[in-house]
PDB file of N, CA and C in Angstrom:
ATOM      1  N   MET A   1     -30.501 215.571  27.656  1.00  0.00           N
ATOM      2  CA  MET A   1     -30.356 214.489  26.702  1.00  0.00           C
ATOM      3  C   MET A   1     -30.711 215.015  25.317  1.00  0.00           C
ATOM      4  N   SER A   2     -29.928 214.640  24.328  1.00  0.00           N
ATOM      5  CA  SER A   2     -30.157 215.091  22.969  1.00  0.00           C
ATOM      6  C   SER A   2     -31.380 214.405  22.372  1.00  0.00           C
ATOM      7  N   THR A   3     -32.258 215.181  21.765  1.00  0.00           N
ATOM      8  CA  THR A   3     -33.462 214.608  21.171  1.00  0.00           C
ATOM      9  C   THR A   3     -33.298 214.307  19.698  1.00  0.00           C
ATOM     10  N   ASP A   4     -32.204 214.777  19.080  1.00  0.00           N
ATOM     11  CA  ASP A   4     -32.024 214.554  17.656  1.00  0.00           C
ATOM     12  C   ASP A   4     -31.082 213.392  17.340  1.00  0.00           C
ATOM     13  N   LEU A   5     -30.598 212.692  18.346  1.00  0.00           N
ATOM     14  CA  LEU A   5     -29.708 211.565  18.137  1.00  0.00           C
ATOM     15  C   LEU A   5     -30.513 210.308  17.844  1.00  0.00           C
ATOM     16  N   GLN A   6     -30.212 209.665  16.740  1.00  0.00           N
ATOM     17  CA  GLN A   6     -30.895 208.430  16.338  1.00  0.00           C
ATOM     18  C   GLN A   6     -30.135 207.260  16.957  1.00  0.00           C
ATOM     19  N   ILE A   7     -30.695 206.619  17.993  1.00  0.00           N
ATOM     20  CA  ILE A   7     -30.004 205.530  18.680  1.00  0.00           C
ATOM     21  C   ILE A   7     -30.067 204.247  17.864  1.00  0.00           C
ATOM     22  N   VAL A   8     -31.224 203.950  17.296  1.00  0.00           N
ATOM     23  CA  VAL A   8     -31.379 202.738  16.485  1.00  0.00           C
ATOM     24  C   VAL A   8     -31.423 203.151  15.024  1.00  0.00           C
ATOM     25  N   THR A   9     -30.586 202.507  14.227  1.00  0.00           N
ATOM     26  CA  THR A   9     -30.569 202.745  12.789  1.00  0.00           C
ATOM     27  C   THR A   9     -30.884 201.442  12.076  1.00  0.00           C
ATOM     28  N   THR A  10     -31.062 201.518  10.787  1.00  0.00           N
ATOM     29  CA  THR A  10     -31.352 200.322   9.994  1.00  0.00           C
ATOM     30  C   THR A  10     -30.192 200.049   9.068  1.00  0.00           C
ATOM     31  N   ALA A  11     -29.671 198.828   9.125  1.00  0.00           N
ATOM     32  CA  ALA A  11     -28.581 198.411   8.241  1.00  0.00           C
ATOM     33  C   ALA A  11     -29.114 198.253   6.820  1.00  0.00           C
ATOM     34  N   ASN A  12     -28.209 198.090   5.873  1.00  0.00           N
ATOM     35  CA  ASN A  12     -28.591 197.930   4.469  1.00  0.00           C
ATOM     36  C   ASN A  12     -29.550 196.766   4.241  1.00  0.00           C
ATOM     37  N   ASP A  13     -29.433 195.722   5.059  1.00  0.00           N
ATOM     38  CA  ASP A  13     -30.307 194.552   4.890  1.00  0.00           C
ATOM     39  C   ASP A  13     -31.626 194.678   5.663  1.00  0.00           C
ATOM     40  N   GLY A  14     -31.866 195.837   6.277  1.00  0.00           N
ATOM     41  CA  GLY A  14     -33.107 196.065   7.007  1.00  0.00           C
ATOM     42  C   GLY A  14     -33.046 195.722   8.489  1.00  0.00           C
ATOM     43  N   THR A  15     -31.924 195.232   8.951  1.00  0.00           N
ATOM     44  CA  THR A  15     -31.765 194.853  10.350  1.00  0.00           C
ATOM     45  C   THR A  15     -31.584 196.101  11.218  1.00  0.00           C
ATOM     46  N   PRO A  16     -32.388 196.236  12.279  1.00  0.00           N
ATOM     47  CA  PRO A  16     -32.177 197.371  13.181  1.00  0.00           C
ATOM     48  C   PRO A  16     -30.873 197.176  13.954  1.00  0.00           C
ATOM     49  N   THR A  17     -30.102 198.223  14.085  1.00  0.00           N
ATOM     50  CA  THR A  17     -28.823 198.139  14.783  1.00  0.00           C
ATOM     51  C   THR A  17     -28.655 199.334  15.711  1.00  0.00           C
ATOM     52  N   ALA A  18     -27.819 199.143  16.699  1.00  0.00           N
ATOM     53  CA  ALA A  18     -27.423 200.227  17.601  1.00  0.00           C
ATOM     54  C   ALA A  18     -26.004 199.929  18.049  1.00  0.00           C
ATOM     55  N   THR A  19     -25.248 200.956  18.310  1.00  0.00           N
ATOM     56  CA  THR A  19     -23.897 200.747  18.821  1.00  0.00           C
ATOM     57  C   THR A  19     -23.857 201.169  20.284  1.00  0.00           C
ATOM     58  N   SER A  20     -22.955 200.569  21.010  1.00  0.00           N
ATOM     59  CA  SER A  20     -22.820 200.919  22.426  1.00  0.00           C
ATOM     60  C   SER A  20     -22.380 202.369  22.576  1.00  0.00           C
ATOM     61  N   LEU A  21     -21.603 202.870  21.640  1.00  0.00           N
ATOM     62  CA  LEU A  21     -21.172 204.263  21.705  1.00  0.00           C
ATOM     63  C   LEU A  21     -22.348 205.221  21.516  1.00  0.00           C
ATOM     64  N   ILE A  22     -23.213 204.938  20.541  1.00  0.00           N
ATOM     65  CA  ILE A  22     -24.387 205.781  20.307  1.00  0.00           C
ATOM     66  C   ILE A  22     -25.349 205.696  21.491  1.00  0.00           C
ATOM     67  N   ILE A  23     -25.507 204.501  22.059  1.00  0.00           N
ATOM     68  CA  ILE A  23     -26.373 204.360  23.236  1.00  0.00           C
ATOM     69  C   ILE A  23     -25.817 205.186  24.393  1.00  0.00           C
ATOM     70  N   ALA A  24     -24.506 205.135  24.601  1.00  0.00           N
ATOM     71  CA  ALA A  24     -23.880 205.918  25.672  1.00  0.00           C
ATOM     72  C   ALA A  24     -24.102 207.412  25.450  1.00  0.00           C
ATOM     73  N   GLN A  25     -23.909 207.874  24.225  1.00  0.00           N
ATOM     74  CA  GLN A  25     -24.114 209.292  23.934  1.00  0.00           C
ATOM     75  C   GLN A  25     -25.577 209.680  24.114  1.00  0.00           C
ATOM     76  N   GLY A  26     -26.482 208.857  23.623  1.00  0.00           N
ATOM     77  CA  GLY A  26     -27.902 209.169  23.683  1.00  0.00           C
ATOM     78  C   GLY A  26     -28.480 209.136  25.084  1.00  0.00           C
ATOM     79  N   THR A  27     -27.870 208.361  25.951  1.00  0.00           N
ATOM     80  CA  THR A  27     -28.359 208.268  27.325  1.00  0.00           C
ATOM     81  C   THR A  27     -27.475 209.041  28.302  1.00  0.00           C
ATOM     82  N   GLU A  28     -26.477 209.740  27.739  1.00  0.00           N
ATOM     83  CA  GLU A  28     -25.524 210.506  28.549  1.00  0.00           C
ATOM     84  C   GLU A  28     -24.916 209.646  29.651  1.00  0.00           C
ATOM     85  N   THR A  29     -24.469 208.464  29.238  1.00  0.00           N
ATOM     86  CA  THR A  29     -23.860 207.486  30.139  1.00  0.00           C
ATOM     87  C   THR A  29     -22.449 207.216  29.661  1.00  0.00           C
ATOM     88  N   GLN A  30     -21.553 206.887  30.573  1.00  0.00           N
ATOM     89  CA  GLN A  30     -20.188 206.559  30.170  1.00  0.00           C
ATOM     90  C   GLN A  30     -20.192 205.319  29.286  1.00  0.00           C
ATOM     91  N   TYR A  31     -19.375 205.364  28.239  1.00  0.00           N
ATOM     92  CA  TYR A  31     -19.293 204.267  27.280  1.00  0.00           C
ATOM     93  C   TYR A  31     -18.944 202.942  27.967  1.00  0.00           C
ATOM     94  N   ALA A  32     -17.977 202.968  28.878  1.00  0.00           N
ATOM     95  CA  ALA A  32     -17.553 201.743  29.565  1.00  0.00           C
ATOM     96  C   ALA A  32     -18.702 201.124  30.352  1.00  0.00           C
ATOM     97  N   SER A  33     -19.572 201.949  30.917  1.00  0.00           N
ATOM     98  CA  SER A  33     -20.717 201.437  31.674  1.00  0.00           C
ATOM     99  C   SER A  33     -21.710 200.733  30.760  1.00  0.00           C
ATOM    100  N   VAL A  34     -21.972 201.316  29.586  1.00  0.00           N
ATOM    101  CA  VAL A  34     -22.885 200.692  28.629  1.00  0.00           C
ATOM    102  C   VAL A  34     -22.308 199.370  28.149  1.00  0.00           C
ATOM    103  N   LEU A  35     -21.033 199.367  27.809  1.00  0.00           N
ATOM    104  CA  LEU A  35     -20.389 198.149  27.332  1.00  0.00           C
ATOM    105  C   LEU A  35     -20.441 197.050  28.388  1.00  0.00           C
ATOM    106  N   ARG A  36     -20.201 197.407  29.642  1.00  0.00           N
ATOM    107  CA  ARG A  36     -20.259 196.432  30.733  1.00  0.00           C
ATOM    108  C   ARG A  36     -21.678 195.880  30.895  1.00  0.00           C
ATOM    109  N   LEU A  37     -22.688 196.744  30.814  1.00  0.00           N
ATOM    110  CA  LEU A  37     -24.075 196.291  30.921  1.00  0.00           C
ATOM    111  C   LEU A  37     -24.441 195.325  29.793  1.00  0.00           C
ATOM    112  N   VAL A  38     -24.010 195.634  28.584  1.00  0.00           N
ATOM    113  CA  VAL A  38     -24.290 194.741  27.452  1.00  0.00           C
ATOM    114  C   VAL A  38     -23.629 193.392  27.675  1.00  0.00           C
ATOM    115  N   ARG A  39     -22.371 193.403  28.042  1.00  0.00           N
ATOM    116  CA  ARG A  39     -21.651 192.131  28.254  1.00  0.00           C
ATOM    117  C   ARG A  39     -22.233 191.339  29.418  1.00  0.00           C
ATOM    118  N   ASP A  40     -22.603 192.023  30.490  1.00  0.00           N
ATOM    119  CA  ASP A  40     -23.163 191.339  31.665  1.00  0.00           C
ATOM    120  C   ASP A  40     -24.547 190.756  31.392  1.00  0.00           C
ATOM    121  N   ASN A  41     -25.250 191.305  30.408  1.00  0.00           N
ATOM    122  CA  ASN A  41     -26.618 190.881  30.112  1.00  0.00           C
ATOM    123  C   ASN A  41     -26.759 190.303  28.711  1.00  0.00           C
ATOM    124  N   LEU A  42     -25.683 189.776  28.182  1.00  0.00           N
ATOM    125  CA  LEU A  42     -25.654 189.291  26.806  1.00  0.00           C
ATOM    126  C   LEU A  42     -26.709 188.226  26.542  1.00  0.00           C
ATOM    127  N   ASP A  43     -26.910 187.312  27.477  1.00  0.00           N
ATOM    128  CA  ASP A  43     -27.926 186.267  27.286  1.00  0.00           C
ATOM    129  C   ASP A  43     -29.319 186.872  27.135  1.00  0.00           C
ATOM    130  N   ASP A  44     -29.619 187.893  27.915  1.00  0.00           N
ATOM    131  CA  ASP A  44     -30.922 188.555  27.815  1.00  0.00           C
ATOM    132  C   ASP A  44     -31.070 189.265  26.469  1.00  0.00           C
ATOM    133  N   PHE A  45     -30.029 189.964  26.035  1.00  0.00           N
ATOM    134  CA  PHE A  45     -30.084 190.649  24.747  1.00  0.00           C
ATOM    135  C   PHE A  45     -30.233 189.670  23.595  1.00  0.00           C
ATOM    136  N   ASN A  46     -29.593 188.523  23.685  1.00  0.00           N
ATOM    137  CA  ASN A  46     -29.661 187.532  22.609  1.00  0.00           C
ATOM    138  C   ASN A  46     -31.064 186.954  22.437  1.00  0.00           C
ATOM    139  N   GLN A  47     -31.941 187.109  23.422  1.00  0.00           N
ATOM    140  CA  GLN A  47     -33.324 186.669  23.265  1.00  0.00           C
ATOM    141  C   GLN A  47     -34.045 187.484  22.193  1.00  0.00           C
ATOM    142  N   PHE A  48     -33.553 188.693  21.942  1.00  0.00           N
ATOM    143  CA  PHE A  48     -34.150 189.563  20.926  1.00  0.00           C
ATOM    144  C   PHE A  48     -33.504 189.380  19.563  1.00  0.00           C
ATOM    145  N   GLY A  49     -32.413 188.662  19.514  1.00  0.00           N
ATOM    146  CA  GLY A  49     -31.690 188.461  18.262  1.00  0.00           C
ATOM    147  C   GLY A  49     -30.200 188.475  18.536  1.00  0.00           C
ATOM    148  N   LEU A  50     -29.453 188.170  17.526  1.00  0.00           N
ATOM    149  CA  LEU A  50     -28.003 188.076  17.648  1.00  0.00           C
ATOM    150  C   LEU A  50     -27.394 189.408  18.058  1.00  0.00           C
ATOM    151  N   VAL A  51     -26.530 189.362  19.055  1.00  0.00           N
ATOM    152  CA  VAL A  51     -25.773 190.535  19.461  1.00  0.00           C
ATOM    153  C   VAL A  51     -24.372 190.357  18.926  1.00  0.00           C
ATOM    154  N   GLY A  52     -23.938 191.270  18.102  1.00  0.00           N
ATOM    155  CA  GLY A  52     -22.602 191.167  17.513  1.00  0.00           C
ATOM    156  C   GLY A  52     -21.697 192.258  18.040  1.00  0.00           C
ATOM    157  N   PHE A  53     -20.449 191.911  18.163  1.00  0.00           N
ATOM    158  CA  PHE A  53     -19.454 192.884  18.588  1.00  0.00           C
ATOM    159  C   PHE A  53     -18.505 193.104  17.428  1.00  0.00           C
ATOM    160  N   GLU A  54     -18.236 194.362  17.159  1.00  0.00           N
ATOM    161  CA  GLU A  54     -17.346 194.729  16.079  1.00  0.00           C
ATOM    162  C   GLU A  54     -16.391 195.782  16.606  1.00  0.00           C
ATOM    163  N   ILE A  55     -15.121 195.596  16.362  1.00  0.00           N
ATOM    164  CA  ILE A  55     -14.133 196.555  16.796  1.00  0.00           C
ATOM    165  C   ILE A  55     -13.902 197.545  15.661  1.00  0.00           C
ATOM    166  N   ARG A  56     -14.024 198.815  15.983  1.00  0.00           N
ATOM    167  CA  ARG A  56     -13.805 199.865  14.986  1.00  0.00           C
ATOM    168  C   ARG A  56     -12.636 200.724  15.414  1.00  0.00           C
ATOM    169  N   CYS A  57     -11.859 201.133  14.459  1.00  0.00           N
ATOM    170  CA  CYS A  57     -10.702 202.004  14.754  1.00  0.00           C
ATOM    171  C   CYS A  57     -10.998 203.430  14.418  1.00  0.00           C
TER     172      CYS A  57
END
């Protein structure tokens, strides 16, 4: 596992953020598996704050 990968970053407004792609890379897990886990557990994640989905090209 890479030790220099920053999984959580801070947005311009100070909000901590993470992307499913960065989480997959940092945990050496398939991206589709991370995305499925997030979607399957969305209610649990929302207890910590808003979970937003953004499509990037």
